Amino acid sequence: TNYADSVKGRFTISRDDAKNSVYLQMNSLTPEDTAVYYC
């Protein structure tokens, strides 16, 4: 995994191969995190 400096320590990306899915756990959100998020 790799993270942008702006989200290090707050966001976690992970995979679930059985579900063919990827996740983004987002913590401690601020208004600066407002955006359209794309996979």
PDB file of all heavy atoms in Angstrom:
ATOM      1  N   THR A   1       0.812  -1.206   0.000  1.00  0.00           N
ATOM      2  CA  THR A   1       0.000   0.000   0.000  1.00  0.00           C
ATOM      3  C   THR A   1       0.845   1.254   0.000  1.00  0.00           C
ATOM      4  O   THR A   1       1.975   1.272   0.499  1.00  0.00           O
ATOM      5  CB  THR A   1      -0.931   0.036   1.221  1.00  0.00           C
ATOM      6  OG1 THR A   1      -0.149   0.022   2.423  1.00  0.00           O
ATOM      7  CG2 THR A   1      -1.861  -1.173   1.220  1.00  0.00           C
ATOM      8  N   ASN A   2       0.276   2.315  -0.555  1.00  0.00           N
ATOM      9  CA  ASN A   2       0.871   3.643  -0.531  1.00  0.00           C
ATOM     10  C   ASN A   2      -0.230   4.661  -0.319  1.00  0.00           C
ATOM     11  O   ASN A   2      -1.358   4.470  -0.768  1.00  0.00           O
ATOM     12  CB  ASN A   2       1.629   3.938  -1.824  1.00  0.00           C
ATOM     13  CG  ASN A   2       2.948   3.214  -1.918  1.00  0.00           C
ATOM     14  OD1 ASN A   2       3.920   3.596  -1.284  1.00  0.00           O
ATOM     15  ND2 ASN A   2       2.984   2.140  -2.707  1.00  0.00           N
ATOM     16  N   TYR A   3       0.126   5.751   0.352  1.00  0.00           N
ATOM     17  CA  TYR A   3      -0.851   6.771   0.699  1.00  0.00           C
ATOM     18  C   TYR A   3      -0.316   8.158   0.404  1.00  0.00           C
ATOM     19  O   TYR A   3       0.884   8.418   0.509  1.00  0.00           O
ATOM     20  CB  TYR A   3      -1.214   6.709   2.179  1.00  0.00           C
ATOM     21  CG  TYR A   3      -1.844   5.405   2.603  1.00  0.00           C
ATOM     22  CD1 TYR A   3      -1.072   4.358   3.086  1.00  0.00           C
ATOM     23  CD2 TYR A   3      -3.226   5.227   2.519  1.00  0.00           C
ATOM     24  CE1 TYR A   3      -1.646   3.164   3.471  1.00  0.00           C
ATOM     25  CE2 TYR A   3      -3.808   4.037   2.904  1.00  0.00           C
ATOM     26  CZ  TYR A   3      -3.019   3.007   3.380  1.00  0.00           C
ATOM     27  OH  TYR A   3      -3.599   1.817   3.766  1.00  0.00           O
ATOM     28  N   ALA A   4      -1.228   9.046   0.055  1.00  0.00           N
ATOM     29  CA  ALA A   4      -0.877  10.445  -0.037  1.00  0.00           C
ATOM     30  C   ALA A   4      -0.556  10.978   1.354  1.00  0.00           C
ATOM     31  O   ALA A   4      -1.121  10.526   2.356  1.00  0.00           O
ATOM     32  CB  ALA A   4      -2.021  11.248  -0.652  1.00  0.00           C
ATOM     33  N   ASP A   5       0.357  11.934   1.417  1.00  0.00           N
ATOM     34  CA  ASP A   5       0.722  12.500   2.714  1.00  0.00           C
ATOM     35  C   ASP A   5      -0.485  13.082   3.443  1.00  0.00           C
ATOM     36  O   ASP A   5      -0.539  13.060   4.679  1.00  0.00           O
ATOM     37  CB  ASP A   5       1.791  13.579   2.534  1.00  0.00           C
ATOM     38  CG  ASP A   5       3.136  13.017   2.140  1.00  0.00           C
ATOM     39  OD1 ASP A   5       3.377  11.814   2.370  1.00  0.00           O
ATOM     40  OD2 ASP A   5       3.960  13.780   1.606  1.00  0.00           O
ATOM     41  N   SER A   6      -1.440  13.582   2.692  1.00  0.00           N
ATOM     42  CA  SER A   6      -2.594  14.224   3.295  1.00  0.00           C
ATOM     43  C   SER A   6      -3.506  13.262   4.047  1.00  0.00           C
ATOM     44  O   SER A   6      -4.324  13.696   4.859  1.00  0.00           O
ATOM     45  CB  SER A   6      -3.406  14.966   2.223  1.00  0.00           C
ATOM     46  OG  SER A   6      -3.815  14.077   1.201  1.00  0.00           O
ATOM     47  N   VAL A   7      -3.372  11.958   3.785  1.00  0.00           N
ATOM     48  CA  VAL A   7      -4.261  10.991   4.419  1.00  0.00           C
ATOM     49  C   VAL A   7      -3.520   9.942   5.231  1.00  0.00           C
ATOM     50  O   VAL A   7      -4.168   9.099   5.875  1.00  0.00           O
ATOM     51  CB  VAL A   7      -5.163  10.292   3.384  1.00  0.00           C
ATOM     52  CG1 VAL A   7      -5.929  11.320   2.562  1.00  0.00           C
ATOM     53  CG2 VAL A   7      -4.345   9.376   2.481  1.00  0.00           C
ATOM     54  N   LYS A   8      -2.210   9.974   5.235  1.00  0.00           N
ATOM     55  CA  LYS A   8      -1.447   8.990   5.999  1.00  0.00           C
ATOM     56  C   LYS A   8      -1.827   9.041   7.475  1.00  0.00           C
ATOM     57  O   LYS A   8      -1.922  10.104   8.076  1.00  0.00           O
ATOM     58  CB  LYS A   8       0.051   9.235   5.845  1.00  0.00           C
ATOM     59  CG  LYS A   8       0.629   8.779   4.522  1.00  0.00           C
ATOM     60  CD  LYS A   8       2.134   9.002   4.480  1.00  0.00           C
ATOM     61  CE  LYS A   8       2.720   8.521   3.166  1.00  0.00           C
ATOM     62  NZ  LYS A   8       4.181   8.777   3.090  1.00  0.00           N
ATOM     63  N   GLY A   9      -2.043   7.867   8.036  1.00  0.00           N
ATOM     64  CA  GLY A   9      -2.431   7.775   9.426  1.00  0.00           C
ATOM     65  C   GLY A   9      -3.913   7.901   9.661  1.00  0.00           C
ATOM     66  O   GLY A   9      -4.389   7.636  10.771  1.00  0.00           O
ATOM     67  N   ARG A  10      -4.667   8.304   8.647  1.00  0.00           N
ATOM     68  CA  ARG A  10      -6.118   8.461   8.779  1.00  0.00           C
ATOM     69  C   ARG A  10      -6.900   7.495   7.896  1.00  0.00           C
ATOM     70  O   ARG A  10      -7.962   7.027   8.297  1.00  0.00           O
ATOM     71  CB  ARG A  10      -6.545   9.890   8.440  1.00  0.00           C
ATOM     72  CG  ARG A  10      -5.969  10.948   9.368  1.00  0.00           C
ATOM     73  CD  ARG A  10      -6.650  12.282   9.138  1.00  0.00           C
ATOM     74  NE  ARG A  10      -6.423  12.785   7.773  1.00  0.00           N
ATOM     75  CZ  ARG A  10      -7.394  13.107   6.927  1.00  0.00           C
ATOM     76  NH1 ARG A  10      -8.662  12.991   7.296  1.00  0.00           N
ATOM     77  NH2 ARG A  10      -7.105  13.561   5.714  1.00  0.00           N
ATOM     78  N   PHE A  11      -6.392   7.226   6.701  1.00  0.00           N
ATOM     79  CA  PHE A  11      -7.082   6.361   5.748  1.00  0.00           C
ATOM     80  C   PHE A  11      -6.358   5.030   5.641  1.00  0.00           C
ATOM     81  O   PHE A  11      -5.126   4.967   5.752  1.00  0.00           O
ATOM     82  CB  PHE A  11      -7.135   6.991   4.358  1.00  0.00           C
ATOM     83  CG  PHE A  11      -8.015   8.208   4.243  1.00  0.00           C
ATOM     84  CD1 PHE A  11      -8.583   8.810   5.350  1.00  0.00           C
ATOM     85  CD2 PHE A  11      -8.277   8.748   2.990  1.00  0.00           C
ATOM     86  CE1 PHE A  11      -9.387   9.932   5.232  1.00  0.00           C
ATOM     87  CE2 PHE A  11      -9.082   9.865   2.851  1.00  0.00           C
ATOM     88  CZ  PHE A  11      -9.636  10.458   3.972  1.00  0.00           C
ATOM     89  N   THR A  12      -7.118   3.977   5.378  1.00  0.00           N
ATOM     90  CA  THR A  12      -6.557   2.658   5.171  1.00  0.00           C
ATOM     91  C   THR A  12      -7.211   2.011   3.960  1.00  0.00           C
ATOM     92  O   THR A  12      -8.438   1.905   3.897  1.00  0.00           O
ATOM     93  CB  THR A  12      -6.760   1.754   6.397  1.00  0.00           C
ATOM     94  OG1 THR A  12      -6.163   2.357   7.554  1.00  0.00           O
ATOM     95  CG2 THR A  12      -6.111   0.393   6.164  1.00  0.00           C
ATOM     96  N   ILE A  13      -6.396   1.585   3.006  1.00  0.00           N
ATOM     97  CA  ILE A  13      -6.899   0.864   1.849  1.00  0.00           C
ATOM     98  C   ILE A  13      -6.692  -0.625   2.090  1.00  0.00           C
ATOM     99  O   ILE A  13      -5.674  -1.041   2.656  1.00  0.00           O
ATOM    100  CB  ILE A  13      -6.209   1.327   0.551  1.00  0.00           C
ATOM    101  CG1 ILE A  13      -6.876   0.705  -0.680  1.00  0.00           C
ATOM    102  CG2 ILE A  13      -4.723   1.025   0.578  1.00  0.00           C
ATOM    103  CD1 ILE A  13      -6.366   1.277  -2.009  1.00  0.00           C
ATOM    104  N   SER A  14      -7.645  -1.431   1.667  1.00  0.00           N
ATOM    105  CA  SER A  14      -7.552  -2.869   1.878  1.00  0.00           C
ATOM    106  C   SER A  14      -8.284  -3.606   0.769  1.00  0.00           C
ATOM    107  O   SER A  14      -9.067  -3.018   0.017  1.00  0.00           O
ATOM    108  CB  SER A  14      -8.121  -3.270   3.245  1.00  0.00           C
ATOM    109  OG  SER A  14      -9.495  -2.935   3.340  1.00  0.00           O
ATOM    110  N   ARG A  15      -8.027  -4.898   0.672  1.00  0.00           N
ATOM    111  CA  ARG A  15      -8.666  -5.763  -0.315  1.00  0.00           C
ATOM    112  C   ARG A  15      -9.383  -6.907   0.362  1.00  0.00           C
ATOM    113  O   ARG A  15      -8.983  -7.369   1.432  1.00  0.00           O
ATOM    114  CB  ARG A  15      -7.630  -6.352  -1.287  1.00  0.00           C
ATOM    115  CG  ARG A  15      -6.975  -5.408  -2.237  1.00  0.00           C
ATOM    116  CD  ARG A  15      -6.139  -6.191  -3.262  1.00  0.00           C
ATOM    117  NE  ARG A  15      -4.932  -6.763  -2.669  1.00  0.00           N
ATOM    118  CZ  ARG A  15      -4.707  -8.061  -2.519  1.00  0.00           C
ATOM    119  NH1 ARG A  15      -5.613  -8.949  -2.909  1.00  0.00           N
ATOM    120  NH2 ARG A  15      -3.571  -8.479  -1.983  1.00  0.00           N
ATOM    121  N   ASP A  16     -10.423  -7.372  -0.288  1.00  0.00           N
ATOM    122  CA  ASP A  16     -11.089  -8.606   0.081  1.00  0.00           C
ATOM    123  C   ASP A  16     -11.225  -9.404  -1.207  1.00  0.00           C
ATOM    124  O   ASP A  16     -12.149  -9.192  -1.989  1.00  0.00           O
ATOM    125  CB  ASP A  16     -12.451  -8.349   0.720  1.00  0.00           C
ATOM    126  CG  ASP A  16     -13.095  -9.614   1.255  1.00  0.00           C
ATOM    127  OD1 ASP A  16     -12.794 -10.704   0.756  1.00  0.00           O
ATOM    128  OD2 ASP A  16     -13.908  -9.501   2.197  1.00  0.00           O
ATOM    129  N   ASP A  17     -10.294 -10.316  -1.423  1.00  0.00           N
ATOM    130  CA  ASP A  17     -10.250 -11.046  -2.691  1.00  0.00           C
ATOM    131  C   ASP A  17     -11.485 -11.921  -2.890  1.00  0.00           C
ATOM    132  O   ASP A  17     -11.930 -12.114  -4.022  1.00  0.00           O
ATOM    133  CB  ASP A  17      -8.991 -11.903  -2.759  1.00  0.00           C
ATOM    134  CG  ASP A  17      -7.723 -11.072  -2.807  1.00  0.00           C
ATOM    135  OD1 ASP A  17      -7.783  -9.907  -3.240  1.00  0.00           O
ATOM    136  OD2 ASP A  17      -6.657 -11.593  -2.409  1.00  0.00           O
ATOM    137  N   ALA A  18     -12.022 -12.455  -1.809  1.00  0.00           N
ATOM    138  CA  ALA A  18     -13.207 -13.295  -1.919  1.00  0.00           C
ATOM    139  C   ALA A  18     -14.398 -12.518  -2.453  1.00  0.00           C
ATOM    140  O   ALA A  18     -15.282 -13.088  -3.096  1.00  0.00           O
ATOM    141  CB  ALA A  18     -13.537 -13.926  -0.572  1.00  0.00           C
ATOM    142  N   LYS A  19     -14.428 -11.222  -2.186  1.00  0.00           N
ATOM    143  CA  LYS A  19     -15.528 -10.380  -2.636  1.00  0.00           C
ATOM    144  C   LYS A  19     -15.166  -9.514  -3.834  1.00  0.00           C
ATOM    145  O   LYS A  19     -15.984  -8.707  -4.276  1.00  0.00           O
ATOM    146  CB  LYS A  19     -16.010  -9.489  -1.492  1.00  0.00           C
ATOM    147  CG  LYS A  19     -16.585 -10.249  -0.309  1.00  0.00           C
ATOM    148  CD  LYS A  19     -17.076  -9.298   0.765  1.00  0.00           C
ATOM    149  CE  LYS A  19     -17.684 -10.047   1.928  1.00  0.00           C
ATOM    150  NZ  LYS A  19     -18.159  -9.135   3.000  1.00  0.00           N
ATOM    151  N   ASN A  20     -13.948  -9.675  -4.345  1.00  0.00           N
ATOM    152  CA  ASN A  20     -13.465  -8.858  -5.465  1.00  0.00           C
ATOM    153  C   ASN A  20     -13.663  -7.374  -5.185  1.00  0.00           C
ATOM    154  O   ASN A  20     -14.117  -6.614  -6.044  1.00  0.00           O
ATOM    155  CB  ASN A  20     -14.169  -9.246  -6.766  1.00  0.00           C
ATOM    156  CG  ASN A  20     -13.861 -10.660  -7.196  1.00  0.00           C
ATOM    157  OD1 ASN A  20     -12.757 -11.161  -6.979  1.00  0.00           O
ATOM    158  ND2 ASN A  20     -14.832 -11.313  -7.819  1.00  0.00           N
ATOM    159  N   SER A  21     -13.306  -6.977  -3.976  1.00  0.00           N
ATOM    160  CA  SER A  21     -13.574  -5.616  -3.544  1.00  0.00           C
ATOM    161  C   SER A  21     -12.343  -4.981  -2.926  1.00  0.00           C
ATOM    162  O   SER A  21     -11.469  -5.662  -2.382  1.00  0.00           O
ATOM    163  CB  SER A  21     -14.717  -5.581  -2.530  1.00  0.00           C
ATOM    164  OG  SER A  21     -15.932  -6.017  -3.111  1.00  0.00           O
ATOM    165  N   VAL A  22     -12.311  -3.674  -3.009  1.00  0.00           N
ATOM    166  CA  VAL A  22     -11.304  -2.874  -2.338  1.00  0.00           C
ATOM    167  C   VAL A  22     -12.032  -1.831  -1.507  1.00  0.00           C
ATOM    168  O   VAL A  22     -13.116  -1.370  -1.890  1.00  0.00           O
ATOM    169  CB  VAL A  22     -10.324  -2.225  -3.347  1.00  0.00           C
ATOM    170  CG1 VAL A  22     -11.055  -1.260  -4.271  1.00  0.00           C
ATOM    171  CG2 VAL A  22      -9.186  -1.534  -2.615  1.00  0.00           C
ATOM    172  N   TYR A  23     -11.444  -1.460  -0.384  1.00  0.00           N
ATOM    173  CA  TYR A  23     -12.100  -0.563   0.546  1.00  0.00           C
ATOM    174  C   TYR A  23     -11.178   0.598   0.897  1.00  0.00           C
ATOM    175  O   TYR A  23      -9.955   0.499   0.818  1.00  0.00           O
ATOM    176  CB  TYR A  23     -12.491  -1.296   1.828  1.00  0.00           C
ATOM    177  CG  TYR A  23     -13.315  -2.531   1.585  1.00  0.00           C
ATOM    178  CD1 TYR A  23     -12.718  -3.785   1.521  1.00  0.00           C
ATOM    179  CD2 TYR A  23     -14.693  -2.438   1.416  1.00  0.00           C
ATOM    180  CE1 TYR A  23     -13.468  -4.920   1.294  1.00  0.00           C
ATOM    181  CE2 TYR A  23     -15.454  -3.572   1.185  1.00  0.00           C
ATOM    182  CZ  TYR A  23     -14.841  -4.808   1.132  1.00  0.00           C
ATOM    183  OH  TYR A  23     -15.593  -5.931   0.900  1.00  0.00           O
ATOM    184  N   LEU A  24     -11.790   1.682   1.296  1.00  0.00           N
ATOM    185  CA  LEU A  24     -11.055   2.817   1.826  1.00  0.00           C
ATOM    186  C   LEU A  24     -11.715   3.212   3.141  1.00  0.00           C
ATOM    187  O   LEU A  24     -12.798   3.805   3.146  1.00  0.00           O
ATOM    188  CB  LEU A  24     -11.049   3.997   0.854  1.00  0.00           C
ATOM    189  CG  LEU A  24     -10.186   5.187   1.277  1.00  0.00           C
ATOM    190  CD1 LEU A  24      -8.708   4.809   1.252  1.00  0.00           C
ATOM    191  CD2 LEU A  24     -10.448   6.400   0.392  1.00  0.00           C
ATOM    192  N   GLN A  25     -11.073   2.853   4.239  1.00  0.00           N
ATOM    193  CA  GLN A  25     -11.543   3.256   5.555  1.00  0.00           C
ATOM    194  C   GLN A  25     -11.023   4.654   5.834  1.00  0.00           C
ATOM    195  O   GLN A  25      -9.818   4.893   5.823  1.00  0.00           O
ATOM    196  CB  GLN A  25     -11.060   2.284   6.625  1.00  0.00           C
ATOM    197  CG  GLN A  25     -11.473   2.670   8.040  1.00  0.00           C
ATOM    198  CD  GLN A  25     -12.971   2.651   8.232  1.00  0.00           C
ATOM    199  OE1 GLN A  25     -13.606   1.611   8.029  1.00  0.00           O
ATOM    200  NE2 GLN A  25     -13.547   3.786   8.599  1.00  0.00           N
ATOM    201  N   MET A  26     -11.929   5.574   6.082  1.00  0.00           N
ATOM    202  CA  MET A  26     -11.592   6.977   6.261  1.00  0.00           C
ATOM    203  C   MET A  26     -11.909   7.373   7.699  1.00  0.00           C
ATOM    204  O   MET A  26     -13.038   7.210   8.150  1.00  0.00           O
ATOM    205  CB  MET A  26     -12.382   7.844   5.279  1.00  0.00           C
ATOM    206  CG  MET A  26     -12.288   7.357   3.841  1.00  0.00           C
ATOM    207  SD  MET A  26     -13.544   8.085   2.748  1.00  0.00           S
ATOM    208  CE  MET A  26     -12.997   9.790   2.694  1.00  0.00           C
ATOM    209  N   ASN A  27     -10.923   7.909   8.388  1.00  0.00           N
ATOM    210  CA  ASN A  27     -11.087   8.314   9.777  1.00  0.00           C
ATOM    211  C   ASN A  27     -10.746   9.784   9.954  1.00  0.00           C
ATOM    212  O   ASN A  27      -9.989  10.366   9.178  1.00  0.00           O
ATOM    213  CB  ASN A  27     -10.204   7.466  10.691  1.00  0.00           C
ATOM    214  CG  ASN A  27     -10.548   6.003  10.659  1.00  0.00           C
ATOM    215  OD1 ASN A  27     -11.719   5.625  10.623  1.00  0.00           O
ATOM    216  ND2 ASN A  27      -9.526   5.151  10.688  1.00  0.00           N
ATOM    217  N   SER A  28     -11.299  10.362  11.000  1.00  0.00           N
ATOM    218  CA  SER A  28     -10.994  11.744  11.391  1.00  0.00           C
ATOM    219  C   SER A  28     -11.174  12.704  10.227  1.00  0.00           C
ATOM    220  O   SER A  28     -10.314  13.537   9.941  1.00  0.00           O
ATOM    221  CB  SER A  28      -9.569  11.831  11.949  1.00  0.00           C
ATOM    222  OG  SER A  28      -9.395  10.971  13.055  1.00  0.00           O
ATOM    223  N   LEU A  29     -12.300  12.611   9.571  1.00  0.00           N
ATOM    224  CA  LEU A  29     -12.534  13.432   8.388  1.00  0.00           C
ATOM    225  C   LEU A  29     -12.672  14.905   8.747  1.00  0.00           C
ATOM    226  O   LEU A  29     -13.199  15.264   9.805  1.00  0.00           O
ATOM    227  CB  LEU A  29     -13.785  12.970   7.657  1.00  0.00           C
ATOM    228  CG  LEU A  29     -13.716  11.601   6.966  1.00  0.00           C
ATOM    229  CD1 LEU A  29     -14.976  11.373   6.150  1.00  0.00           C
ATOM    230  CD2 LEU A  29     -12.494  11.491   6.084  1.00  0.00           C
ATOM    231  N   THR A  30     -12.193  15.735   7.852  1.00  0.00           N
ATOM    232  CA  THR A  30     -12.337  17.178   7.939  1.00  0.00           C
ATOM    233  C   THR A  30     -12.980  17.682   6.655  1.00  0.00           C
ATOM    234  O   THR A  30     -13.058  16.952   5.662  1.00  0.00           O
ATOM    235  CB  THR A  30     -10.982  17.870   8.137  1.00  0.00           C
ATOM    236  OG1 THR A  30     -10.261  17.883   6.900  1.00  0.00           O
ATOM    237  CG2 THR A  30     -10.154  17.157   9.195  1.00  0.00           C
ATOM    238  N   PRO A  31     -13.446  18.934   6.640  1.00  0.00           N
ATOM    239  CA  PRO A  31     -14.011  19.468   5.394  1.00  0.00           C
ATOM    240  C   PRO A  31     -13.048  19.418   4.215  1.00  0.00           C
ATOM    241  O   PRO A  31     -13.491  19.392   3.062  1.00  0.00           O
ATOM    242  CB  PRO A  31     -14.362  20.914   5.770  1.00  0.00           C
ATOM    243  CG  PRO A  31     -14.664  20.842   7.226  1.00  0.00           C
ATOM    244  CD  PRO A  31     -13.683  19.839   7.774  1.00  0.00           C
ATOM    245  N   GLU A  32     -11.746  19.386   4.483  1.00  0.00           N
ATOM    246  CA  GLU A  32     -10.771  19.296   3.406  1.00  0.00           C
ATOM    247  C   GLU A  32     -10.816  17.959   2.681  1.00  0.00           C
ATOM    248  O   GLU A  32     -10.265  17.832   1.587  1.00  0.00           O
ATOM    249  CB  GLU A  32      -9.358  19.536   3.947  1.00  0.00           C
ATOM    250  CG  GLU A  32      -9.139  20.923   4.549  1.00  0.00           C
ATOM    251  CD  GLU A  32      -9.363  22.026   3.541  1.00  0.00           C
ATOM    252  OE1 GLU A  32      -8.843  21.907   2.404  1.00  0.00           O
ATOM    253  OE2 GLU A  32     -10.046  23.011   3.873  1.00  0.00           O
ATOM    254  N   ASP A  33     -11.466  16.983   3.272  1.00  0.00           N
ATOM    255  CA  ASP A  33     -11.607  15.676   2.641  1.00  0.00           C
ATOM    256  C   ASP A  33     -12.808  15.610   1.712  1.00  0.00           C
ATOM    257  O   ASP A  33     -13.022  14.576   1.068  1.00  0.00           O
ATOM    258  CB  ASP A  33     -11.714  14.580   3.704  1.00  0.00           C
ATOM    259  CG  ASP A  33     -10.462  14.465   4.549  1.00  0.00           C
ATOM    260  OD1 ASP A  33      -9.358  14.400   3.970  1.00  0.00           O
ATOM    261  OD2 ASP A  33     -10.591  14.436   5.797  1.00  0.00           O
ATOM    262  N   THR A  34     -13.597  16.656   1.664  1.00  0.00           N
ATOM    263  CA  THR A  34     -14.756  16.677   0.777  1.00  0.00           C
ATOM    264  C   THR A  34     -14.309  16.572  -0.675  1.00  0.00           C
ATOM    265  O   THR A  34     -13.479  17.361  -1.137  1.00  0.00           O
ATOM    266  CB  THR A  34     -15.568  17.956   0.984  1.00  0.00           C
ATOM    267  OG1 THR A  34     -16.114  17.974   2.305  1.00  0.00           O
ATOM    268  CG2 THR A  34     -16.707  18.046  -0.021  1.00  0.00           C
ATOM    269  N   ALA A  35     -14.852  15.610  -1.389  1.00  0.00           N
ATOM    270  CA  ALA A  35     -14.464  15.381  -2.774  1.00  0.00           C
ATOM    271  C   ALA A  35     -15.319  14.270  -3.354  1.00  0.00           C
ATOM    272  O   ALA A  35     -16.043  13.579  -2.633  1.00  0.00           O
ATOM    273  CB  ALA A  35     -12.981  15.001  -2.879  1.00  0.00           C
ATOM    274  N   VAL A  36     -15.223  14.106  -4.660  1.00  0.00           N
ATOM    275  CA  VAL A  36     -15.724  12.905  -5.301  1.00  0.00           C
ATOM    276  C   VAL A  36     -14.600  11.888  -5.271  1.00  0.00           C
ATOM    277  O   VAL A  36     -13.497  12.156  -5.748  1.00  0.00           O
ATOM    278  CB  VAL A  36     -16.178  13.159  -6.747  1.00  0.00           C
ATOM    279  CG1 VAL A  36     -16.632  11.853  -7.394  1.00  0.00           C
ATOM    280  CG2 VAL A  36     -17.299  14.180  -6.776  1.00  0.00           C
ATOM    281  N   TYR A  37     -14.873  10.739  -4.709  1.00  0.00           N
ATOM    282  CA  TYR A  37     -13.880   9.688  -4.591  1.00  0.00           C
ATOM    283  C   TYR A  37     -14.105   8.644  -5.672  1.00  0.00           C
ATOM    284  O   TYR A  37     -15.223   8.161  -5.861  1.00  0.00           O
ATOM    285  CB  TYR A  37     -13.941   9.044  -3.203  1.00  0.00           C
ATOM    286  CG  TYR A  37     -13.334   9.910  -2.129  1.00  0.00           C
ATOM    287  CD1 TYR A  37     -14.001  11.033  -1.660  1.00  0.00           C
ATOM    288  CD2 TYR A  37     -12.086   9.612  -1.590  1.00  0.00           C
ATOM    289  CE1 TYR A  37     -13.444  11.848  -0.695  1.00  0.00           C
ATOM    290  CE2 TYR A  37     -11.515  10.416  -0.620  1.00  0.00           C
ATOM    291  CZ  TYR A  37     -12.203  11.534  -0.174  1.00  0.00           C
ATOM    292  OH  TYR A  37     -11.644  12.344   0.796  1.00  0.00           O
ATOM    293  N   TYR A  38     -13.038   8.310  -6.380  1.00  0.00           N
ATOM    294  CA  TYR A  38     -13.094   7.366  -7.482  1.00  0.00           C
ATOM    295  C   TYR A  38     -12.241   6.138  -7.199  1.00  0.00           C
ATOM    296  O   TYR A  38     -11.098   6.252  -6.766  1.00  0.00           O
ATOM    297  CB  TYR A  38     -12.587   8.007  -8.773  1.00  0.00           C
ATOM    298  CG  TYR A  38     -13.434   9.140  -9.293  1.00  0.00           C
ATOM    299  CD1 TYR A  38     -13.155  10.454  -8.943  1.00  0.00           C
ATOM    300  CD2 TYR A  38     -14.499   8.894 -10.142  1.00  0.00           C
ATOM    301  CE1 TYR A  38     -13.923  11.496  -9.420  1.00  0.00           C
ATOM    302  CE2 TYR A  38     -15.269   9.933 -10.629  1.00  0.00           C
ATOM    303  CZ  TYR A  38     -14.979  11.232 -10.268  1.00  0.00           C
ATOM    304  OH  TYR A  38     -15.742  12.261 -10.747  1.00  0.00           O
ATOM    305  N   CYS A  39     -12.793   4.999  -7.475  1.00  0.00           N
ATOM    306  CA  CYS A  39     -12.043   3.763  -7.495  1.00  0.00           C
ATOM    307  C   CYS A  39     -11.481   3.576  -8.903  1.00  0.00           C
ATOM    308  O   CYS A  39     -12.146   3.902  -9.891  1.00  0.00           O
ATOM    309  CB  CYS A  39     -12.955   2.593  -7.116  1.00  0.00           C
ATOM    310  SG  CYS A  39     -12.171   0.970  -7.149  1.00  0.00           S
TER     311      CYS A  39
END
